[in-house]
Amino acid sequence: MFRKVTIDDIRKPACEIISIFTICIVLFTSLLLFNGLEYSRIPNYLKYSTLINIIISILGLLQWIPFVKINKDSTKRVKKHYALFLSIVNVLSVINMMGSFTNLYYYMGIQHGVDLYSFWLFNHTTLILSFLMICLACNLMFNEFRILPRKRYGKKHSKWGLMVLIFAQFPVITKPIEYFNIVDIADSKFIIIGSLLALFPFEFAVFLFVKKYIDYKIHEKNYGH
């Protein structure tokens, strides 16, 4: 159902909390440098992805500061673009935390002399694709049928949205395949299972972030000045 959403509802505090947890995961991963992992052996794909983890986490934390002052004189265009930016960072923060968690296993692989690049690439590609499909599904299910006449377009878009949402669950199939094929590093395959179990609440978080933006956009369209 539609509910009134403000910029502050989009801006905080979920993204900031997620970003703090992500930084904690990155810091925990860095402890491997004190337990046999040599920095010179870390491949660029892990270095760059960790740098991206840190940058997105900082962006998420900075959302606490209202850089754009929204008041009654703010134009719809400014409010819409600011809300969209905040929502994108919110979604990225969820993907970011998931990626930083799975990166831990690949760092452990390097620590034990095993480069799991092909698994890393496959895992991150499927992860990003799955979350993008959830964003699309949410837009189809909650946005189109409200803006377009329901009698003509609503049910059709809702069905398409539900189908996309179902297909977005394909990591449920790929994760077990990854589990049975990846090299067991220091008896830590539980990280793969953990990432699978974490997938559902993380997908739900993305779903809620997108829905919150859609609710805000619809409220501004109908009641904004």
C-alpha atoms as a PDB file:
ATOM      1  CA  MET A   1       0.000   0.000   0.000  1.00  0.00           C
ATOM      2  CA  PHE A   2       0.999   3.608  -0.537  1.00  0.00           C
ATOM      3  CA  ARG A   3       2.319   5.496   2.485  1.00  0.00           C
ATOM      4  CA  LYS A   4       3.658   8.993   2.971  1.00  0.00           C
ATOM      5  CA  VAL A   5       7.458   9.062   2.787  1.00  0.00           C
ATOM      6  CA  THR A   6       9.738  12.052   3.388  1.00  0.00           C
ATOM      7  CA  ILE A   7      13.303  12.710   2.274  1.00  0.00           C
ATOM      8  CA  ASP A   8      14.477  12.015   5.818  1.00  0.00           C
ATOM      9  CA  ASP A   9      12.787   8.606   5.711  1.00  0.00           C
ATOM     10  CA  ILE A  10      14.889   7.762   2.657  1.00  0.00           C
ATOM     11  CA  ARG A  11      18.058   9.378   3.995  1.00  0.00           C
ATOM     12  CA  LYS A  12      18.400   7.580   7.332  1.00  0.00           C
ATOM     13  CA  PRO A  13      19.101   5.497   9.355  1.00  0.00           C
ATOM     14  CA  ALA A  14      19.160   2.107   7.564  1.00  0.00           C
ATOM     15  CA  CYS A  15      21.872   2.957   5.040  1.00  0.00           C
ATOM     16  CA  GLU A  16      24.168   4.299   7.740  1.00  0.00           C
ATOM     17  CA  ILE A  17      23.771   1.143   9.840  1.00  0.00           C
ATOM     18  CA  ILE A  18      24.470  -1.085   6.830  1.00  0.00           C
ATOM     19  CA  SER A  19      27.554   0.991   5.978  1.00  0.00           C
ATOM     20  CA  ILE A  20      28.916   0.623   9.519  1.00  0.00           C
ATOM     21  CA  PHE A  21      28.538  -3.160   9.305  1.00  0.00           C
ATOM     22  CA  THR A  22      30.268  -3.151   5.908  1.00  0.00           C
ATOM     23  CA  ILE A  23      33.242  -1.242   7.290  1.00  0.00           C
ATOM     24  CA  CYS A  24      33.410  -3.734  10.174  1.00  0.00           C
ATOM     25  CA  ILE A  25      33.521  -6.606   7.651  1.00  0.00           C
ATOM     26  CA  VAL A  26      36.305  -4.884   5.691  1.00  0.00           C
ATOM     27  CA  LEU A  27      38.265  -4.310   8.908  1.00  0.00           C
ATOM     28  CA  PHE A  28      37.763  -7.938   9.918  1.00  0.00           C
ATOM     29  CA  THR A  29      38.999  -9.053   6.498  1.00  0.00           C
ATOM     30  CA  SER A  30      42.075  -6.846   6.885  1.00  0.00           C
ATOM     31  CA  LEU A  31      43.083  -8.926   9.919  1.00  0.00           C
ATOM     32  CA  LEU A  32      44.211 -11.568   7.422  1.00  0.00           C
ATOM     33  CA  LEU A  33      47.158  -9.261   6.687  1.00  0.00           C
ATOM     34  CA  PHE A  34      48.375 -10.040  10.201  1.00  0.00           C
ATOM     35  CA  ASN A  35      47.837 -13.773   9.770  1.00  0.00           C
ATOM     36  CA  GLY A  36      49.952 -14.753   6.799  1.00  0.00           C
ATOM     37  CA  LEU A  37      48.352 -12.805   3.944  1.00  0.00           C
ATOM     38  CA  GLU A  38      50.908 -10.673   2.117  1.00  0.00           C
ATOM     39  CA  TYR A  39      49.572  -7.456   0.592  1.00  0.00           C
ATOM     40  CA  SER A  40      51.735  -7.935  -2.508  1.00  0.00           C
ATOM     41  CA  ARG A  41      49.913 -11.212  -3.247  1.00  0.00           C
ATOM     42  CA  ILE A  42      46.433  -9.675  -3.213  1.00  0.00           C
ATOM     43  CA  PRO A  43      45.128  -9.500  -6.820  1.00  0.00           C
ATOM     44  CA  ASN A  44      43.871  -6.212  -8.215  1.00  0.00           C
ATOM     45  CA  TYR A  45      40.248  -7.367  -8.465  1.00  0.00           C
ATOM     46  CA  LEU A  46      40.117  -7.793  -4.677  1.00  0.00           C
ATOM     47  CA  LYS A  47      41.961  -4.527  -4.020  1.00  0.00           C
ATOM     48  CA  TYR A  48      39.645  -2.541  -6.302  1.00  0.00           C
ATOM     49  CA  SER A  49      36.463  -4.198  -5.054  1.00  0.00           C
ATOM     50  CA  THR A  50      37.490  -3.485  -1.451  1.00  0.00           C
ATOM     51  CA  LEU A  51      38.212   0.130  -2.375  1.00  0.00           C
ATOM     52  CA  ILE A  52      34.718   0.322  -3.870  1.00  0.00           C
ATOM     53  CA  ASN A  53      33.336  -1.207  -0.642  1.00  0.00           C
ATOM     54  CA  ILE A  54      34.980   1.570   1.360  1.00  0.00           C
ATOM     55  CA  ILE A  55      33.853   4.381  -0.977  1.00  0.00           C
ATOM     56  CA  ILE A  56      30.218   3.247  -1.007  1.00  0.00           C
ATOM     57  CA  SER A  57      30.295   2.820   2.784  1.00  0.00           C
ATOM     58  CA  ILE A  58      31.557   6.385   3.188  1.00  0.00           C
ATOM     59  CA  LEU A  59      28.803   7.648   0.861  1.00  0.00           C
ATOM     60  CA  GLY A  60      26.282   5.732   2.957  1.00  0.00           C
ATOM     61  CA  LEU A  61      27.565   7.245   6.202  1.00  0.00           C
ATOM     62  CA  LEU A  62      27.557  10.748   4.716  1.00  0.00           C
ATOM     63  CA  GLN A  63      23.836  10.424   3.997  1.00  0.00           C
ATOM     64  CA  TRP A  64      23.306  11.299   7.640  1.00  0.00           C
ATOM     65  CA  ILE A  65      24.292  14.850   6.679  1.00  0.00           C
ATOM     66  CA  PRO A  66      21.510  16.631   4.725  1.00  0.00           C
ATOM     67  CA  PHE A  67      23.707  18.184   2.032  1.00  0.00           C
ATOM     68  CA  VAL A  68      20.643  19.306   0.090  1.00  0.00           C
ATOM     69  CA  LYS A  69      18.311  21.425   2.179  1.00  0.00           C
ATOM     70  CA  ILE A  70      14.744  20.450   1.376  1.00  0.00           C
ATOM     71  CA  ASN A  71      12.029  22.917   2.348  1.00  0.00           C
ATOM     72  CA  LYS A  72       8.710  24.196   1.065  1.00  0.00           C
ATOM     73  CA  ASP A  73      10.505  26.317  -1.538  1.00  0.00           C
ATOM     74  CA  SER A  74      12.410  23.377  -3.034  1.00  0.00           C
ATOM     75  CA  THR A  75      11.319  22.450  -6.533  1.00  0.00           C
ATOM     76  CA  LYS A  76       9.924  19.034  -7.388  1.00  0.00           C
ATOM     77  CA  ARG A  77      12.890  18.469  -9.676  1.00  0.00           C
ATOM     78  CA  VAL A  78      15.427  19.028  -6.884  1.00  0.00           C
ATOM     79  CA  LYS A  79      13.526  16.844  -4.429  1.00  0.00           C
ATOM     80  CA  LYS A  80      13.047  14.063  -6.955  1.00  0.00           C
ATOM     81  CA  HIS A  81      16.719  13.973  -7.970  1.00  0.00           C
ATOM     82  CA  TYR A  82      17.902  14.082  -4.361  1.00  0.00           C
ATOM     83  CA  ALA A  83      15.525  11.284  -3.377  1.00  0.00           C
ATOM     84  CA  LEU A  84      16.713   9.226  -6.353  1.00  0.00           C
ATOM     85  CA  PHE A  85      20.369   9.753  -5.416  1.00  0.00           C
ATOM     86  CA  LEU A  86      19.718   8.722  -1.808  1.00  0.00           C
ATOM     87  CA  SER A  87      17.792   5.649  -2.934  1.00  0.00           C
ATOM     88  CA  ILE A  88      20.568   4.570  -5.297  1.00  0.00           C
ATOM     89  CA  VAL A  89      23.102   4.832  -2.469  1.00  0.00           C
ATOM     90  CA  ASN A  90      20.732   2.847  -0.233  1.00  0.00           C
ATOM     91  CA  VAL A  91      20.526   0.012  -2.750  1.00  0.00           C
ATOM     92  CA  LEU A  92      24.261   0.111  -3.422  1.00  0.00           C
ATOM     93  CA  SER A  93      24.951  -0.105   0.314  1.00  0.00           C
ATOM     94  CA  VAL A  94      23.081  -3.418   0.495  1.00  0.00           C
ATOM     95  CA  ILE A  95      24.914  -4.871  -2.522  1.00  0.00           C
ATOM     96  CA  ASN A  96      28.120  -3.465  -1.063  1.00  0.00           C
ATOM     97  CA  MET A  97      27.712  -5.259   2.254  1.00  0.00           C
ATOM     98  CA  MET A  98      26.887  -8.530   0.529  1.00  0.00           C
ATOM     99  CA  GLY A  99      29.934  -8.179  -1.702  1.00  0.00           C
ATOM    100  CA  SER A 100      32.276  -7.365   1.177  1.00  0.00           C
ATOM    101  CA  PHE A 101      31.040 -10.420   3.081  1.00  0.00           C
ATOM    102  CA  THR A 102      31.647 -12.806   0.173  1.00  0.00           C
ATOM    103  CA  ASN A 103      35.034 -11.188  -0.504  1.00  0.00           C
ATOM    104  CA  LEU A 104      36.239 -12.593   2.815  1.00  0.00           C
ATOM    105  CA  TYR A 105      36.314 -16.107   1.362  1.00  0.00           C
ATOM    106  CA  TYR A 106      38.320 -15.030  -1.679  1.00  0.00           C
ATOM    107  CA  TYR A 107      40.820 -13.228   0.525  1.00  0.00           C
ATOM    108  CA  MET A 108      41.203 -16.427   2.523  1.00  0.00           C
ATOM    109  CA  GLY A 109      41.828 -18.239  -0.744  1.00  0.00           C
ATOM    110  CA  ILE A 110      44.722 -15.893  -1.572  1.00  0.00           C
ATOM    111  CA  GLN A 111      46.025 -16.363   1.969  1.00  0.00           C
ATOM    112  CA  HIS A 112      46.231 -20.114   1.294  1.00  0.00           C
ATOM    113  CA  GLY A 113      47.688 -19.719  -2.196  1.00  0.00           C
ATOM    114  CA  VAL A 114      44.445 -20.296  -4.137  1.00  0.00           C
ATOM    115  CA  ASP A 115      43.149 -17.655  -6.573  1.00  0.00           C
ATOM    116  CA  LEU A 116      39.377 -18.029  -6.969  1.00  0.00           C
ATOM    117  CA  TYR A 117      38.914 -15.262  -9.544  1.00  0.00           C
ATOM    118  CA  SER A 118      36.452 -17.182 -11.742  1.00  0.00           C
ATOM    119  CA  PHE A 119      34.230 -17.866  -8.714  1.00  0.00           C
ATOM    120  CA  TRP A 120      34.574 -14.242  -7.559  1.00  0.00           C
ATOM    121  CA  LEU A 121      33.561 -12.916 -10.982  1.00  0.00           C
ATOM    122  CA  PHE A 122      30.611 -15.283 -11.277  1.00  0.00           C
ATOM    123  CA  ASN A 123      29.442 -14.580  -7.730  1.00  0.00           C
ATOM    124  CA  HIS A 124      29.568 -10.796  -8.036  1.00  0.00           C
ATOM    125  CA  THR A 125      27.971 -10.804 -11.499  1.00  0.00           C
ATOM    126  CA  THR A 126      25.026 -12.928 -10.352  1.00  0.00           C
ATOM    127  CA  LEU A 127      24.719 -10.881  -7.172  1.00  0.00           C
ATOM    128  CA  ILE A 128      24.491  -7.544  -8.987  1.00  0.00           C
ATOM    129  CA  LEU A 129      22.166  -8.945 -11.664  1.00  0.00           C
ATOM    130  CA  SER A 130      19.839 -10.407  -9.037  1.00  0.00           C
ATOM    131  CA  PHE A 131      19.529  -7.116  -7.142  1.00  0.00           C
ATOM    132  CA  LEU A 132      18.980  -5.145 -10.357  1.00  0.00           C
ATOM    133  CA  MET A 133      16.151  -7.513 -11.255  1.00  0.00           C
ATOM    134  CA  ILE A 134      14.598  -6.921  -7.829  1.00  0.00           C
ATOM    135  CA  CYS A 135      14.712  -3.162  -8.438  1.00  0.00           C
ATOM    136  CA  LEU A 136      12.987  -3.672 -11.788  1.00  0.00           C
ATOM    137  CA  ALA A 137      10.387  -5.983 -10.245  1.00  0.00           C
ATOM    138  CA  CYS A 138       9.604  -3.470  -7.523  1.00  0.00           C
ATOM    139  CA  ASN A 139       9.105  -0.701 -10.083  1.00  0.00           C
ATOM    140  CA  LEU A 140       6.765  -2.863 -12.134  1.00  0.00           C
ATOM    141  CA  MET A 141       4.751  -4.047  -9.141  1.00  0.00           C
ATOM    142  CA  PHE A 142       4.424  -0.798  -7.175  1.00  0.00           C
ATOM    143  CA  ASN A 143       4.997   2.031  -9.601  1.00  0.00           C
ATOM    144  CA  GLU A 144       3.386   1.386 -12.960  1.00  0.00           C
ATOM    145  CA  PHE A 145      -0.019   0.273 -11.777  1.00  0.00           C
ATOM    146  CA  ARG A 146      -0.408   3.444  -9.711  1.00  0.00           C
ATOM    147  CA  ILE A 147       0.710   5.937 -12.330  1.00  0.00           C
ATOM    148  CA  LEU A 148      -0.955   4.239 -15.299  1.00  0.00           C
ATOM    149  CA  PRO A 149      -4.676   3.345 -15.283  1.00  0.00           C
ATOM    150  CA  ARG A 150      -4.964   0.062 -13.415  1.00  0.00           C
ATOM    151  CA  LYS A 151      -7.741  -1.261 -15.625  1.00  0.00           C
ATOM    152  CA  ARG A 152      -5.544  -1.112 -18.725  1.00  0.00           C
ATOM    153  CA  TYR A 153      -2.005  -1.643 -17.442  1.00  0.00           C
ATOM    154  CA  GLY A 154      -1.971  -2.447 -13.733  1.00  0.00           C
ATOM    155  CA  LYS A 155      -2.516  -6.183 -13.659  1.00  0.00           C
ATOM    156  CA  LYS A 156      -0.197  -6.729 -16.609  1.00  0.00           C
ATOM    157  CA  HIS A 157       2.676  -4.805 -15.030  1.00  0.00           C
ATOM    158  CA  SER A 158       2.096  -6.461 -11.653  1.00  0.00           C
ATOM    159  CA  LYS A 159       2.325  -9.905 -13.253  1.00  0.00           C
ATOM    160  CA  TRP A 160       5.505  -8.971 -15.086  1.00  0.00           C
ATOM    161  CA  GLY A 161       6.927  -7.614 -11.847  1.00  0.00           C
ATOM    162  CA  LEU A 162       6.139 -10.840 -10.019  1.00  0.00           C
ATOM    163  CA  MET A 163       7.766 -12.885 -12.782  1.00  0.00           C
ATOM    164  CA  VAL A 164      10.931 -10.769 -12.667  1.00  0.00           C
ATOM    165  CA  LEU A 165      10.973 -11.096  -8.870  1.00  0.00           C
ATOM    166  CA  ILE A 166      10.806 -14.886  -9.141  1.00  0.00           C
ATOM    167  CA  PHE A 167      13.601 -15.006 -11.734  1.00  0.00           C
ATOM    168  CA  ALA A 168      15.688 -12.755  -9.473  1.00  0.00           C
ATOM    169  CA  GLN A 169      15.956 -15.681  -7.060  1.00  0.00           C
ATOM    170  CA  PHE A 170      18.305 -17.584  -9.387  1.00  0.00           C
ATOM    171  CA  PRO A 171      21.206 -17.277  -6.863  1.00  0.00           C
ATOM    172  CA  VAL A 172      19.272 -19.839  -4.810  1.00  0.00           C
ATOM    173  CA  ILE A 173      20.323 -22.298  -7.537  1.00  0.00           C
ATOM    174  CA  THR A 174      23.783 -20.918  -8.316  1.00  0.00           C
ATOM    175  CA  LYS A 175      24.921 -20.659  -4.689  1.00  0.00           C
ATOM    176  CA  PRO A 176      24.635 -24.409  -3.941  1.00  0.00           C
ATOM    177  CA  ILE A 177      26.438 -25.109  -7.237  1.00  0.00           C
ATOM    178  CA  GLU A 178      29.183 -22.731  -6.131  1.00  0.00           C
ATOM    179  CA  TYR A 179      29.317 -24.424  -2.719  1.00  0.00           C
ATOM    180  CA  PHE A 180      29.897 -27.897  -4.159  1.00  0.00           C
ATOM    181  CA  ASN A 181      32.444 -26.775  -6.774  1.00  0.00           C
ATOM    182  CA  ILE A 182      34.562 -24.200  -4.962  1.00  0.00           C
ATOM    183  CA  VAL A 183      37.749 -25.214  -3.163  1.00  0.00           C
ATOM    184  CA  ASP A 184      37.260 -25.577   0.597  1.00  0.00           C
ATOM    185  CA  ILE A 185      39.539 -22.979   2.168  1.00  0.00           C
ATOM    186  CA  ALA A 186      40.412 -23.715   5.814  1.00  0.00           C
ATOM    187  CA  ASP A 187      37.039 -25.399   6.414  1.00  0.00           C
ATOM    188  CA  SER A 188      35.315 -22.066   5.764  1.00  0.00           C
ATOM    189  CA  LYS A 189      32.694 -23.059   3.219  1.00  0.00           C
ATOM    190  CA  PHE A 190      30.109 -21.949   5.755  1.00  0.00           C
ATOM    191  CA  ILE A 191      30.710 -18.428   4.394  1.00  0.00           C
ATOM    192  CA  ILE A 192      29.116 -19.531   1.103  1.00  0.00           C
ATOM    193  CA  ILE A 193      26.097 -20.896   2.980  1.00  0.00           C
ATOM    194  CA  GLY A 194      25.989 -17.727   5.070  1.00  0.00           C
ATOM    195  CA  SER A 195      25.873 -15.580   1.939  1.00  0.00           C
ATOM    196  CA  LEU A 196      22.970 -17.667   0.645  1.00  0.00           C
ATOM    197  CA  LEU A 197      21.020 -17.300   3.901  1.00  0.00           C
ATOM    198  CA  ALA A 198      21.762 -13.568   3.981  1.00  0.00           C
ATOM    199  CA  LEU A 199      20.518 -13.180   0.420  1.00  0.00           C
ATOM    200  CA  PHE A 200      16.818 -13.181   1.321  1.00  0.00           C
ATOM    201  CA  PRO A 201      16.848 -10.423   3.984  1.00  0.00           C
ATOM    202  CA  PHE A 202      19.188  -8.381   1.777  1.00  0.00           C
ATOM    203  CA  GLU A 203      16.838  -8.744  -1.183  1.00  0.00           C
ATOM    204  CA  PHE A 204      13.955  -7.687   1.052  1.00  0.00           C
ATOM    205  CA  ALA A 205      15.947  -4.624   2.148  1.00  0.00           C
ATOM    206  CA  VAL A 206      16.519  -3.612  -1.486  1.00  0.00           C
ATOM    207  CA  PHE A 207      12.839  -4.194  -2.195  1.00  0.00           C
ATOM    208  CA  LEU A 208      11.878  -1.870   0.678  1.00  0.00           C
ATOM    209  CA  PHE A 209      14.389   0.810  -0.351  1.00  0.00           C
ATOM    210  CA  VAL A 210      12.998   0.925  -3.887  1.00  0.00           C
ATOM    211  CA  LYS A 211       9.409   0.876  -2.651  1.00  0.00           C
ATOM    212  CA  LYS A 212      10.172   3.756  -0.295  1.00  0.00           C
ATOM    213  CA  TYR A 213      11.450   5.845  -3.204  1.00  0.00           C
ATOM    214  CA  ILE A 214       8.399   4.964  -5.293  1.00  0.00           C
ATOM    215  CA  ASP A 215       6.073   5.935  -2.427  1.00  0.00           C
ATOM    216  CA  TYR A 216       7.891   9.251  -2.119  1.00  0.00           C
ATOM    217  CA  LYS A 217       7.687   9.909  -5.856  1.00  0.00           C
ATOM    218  CA  ILE A 218       3.981   9.129  -5.966  1.00  0.00           C
ATOM    219  CA  HIS A 219       3.294  11.310  -2.928  1.00  0.00           C
ATOM    220  CA  GLU A 220       5.138  14.211  -4.545  1.00  0.00           C
ATOM    221  CA  LYS A 221       3.260  13.655  -7.796  1.00  0.00           C
ATOM    222  CA  ASN A 222      -0.126  13.710  -6.091  1.00  0.00           C
ATOM    223  CA  TYR A 223       0.366  16.065  -3.142  1.00  0.00           C
ATOM    224  CA  GLY A 224       3.655  17.923  -3.641  1.00  0.00           C
ATOM    225  CA  HIS A 225       3.750  21.610  -4.365  1.00  0.00           C
END
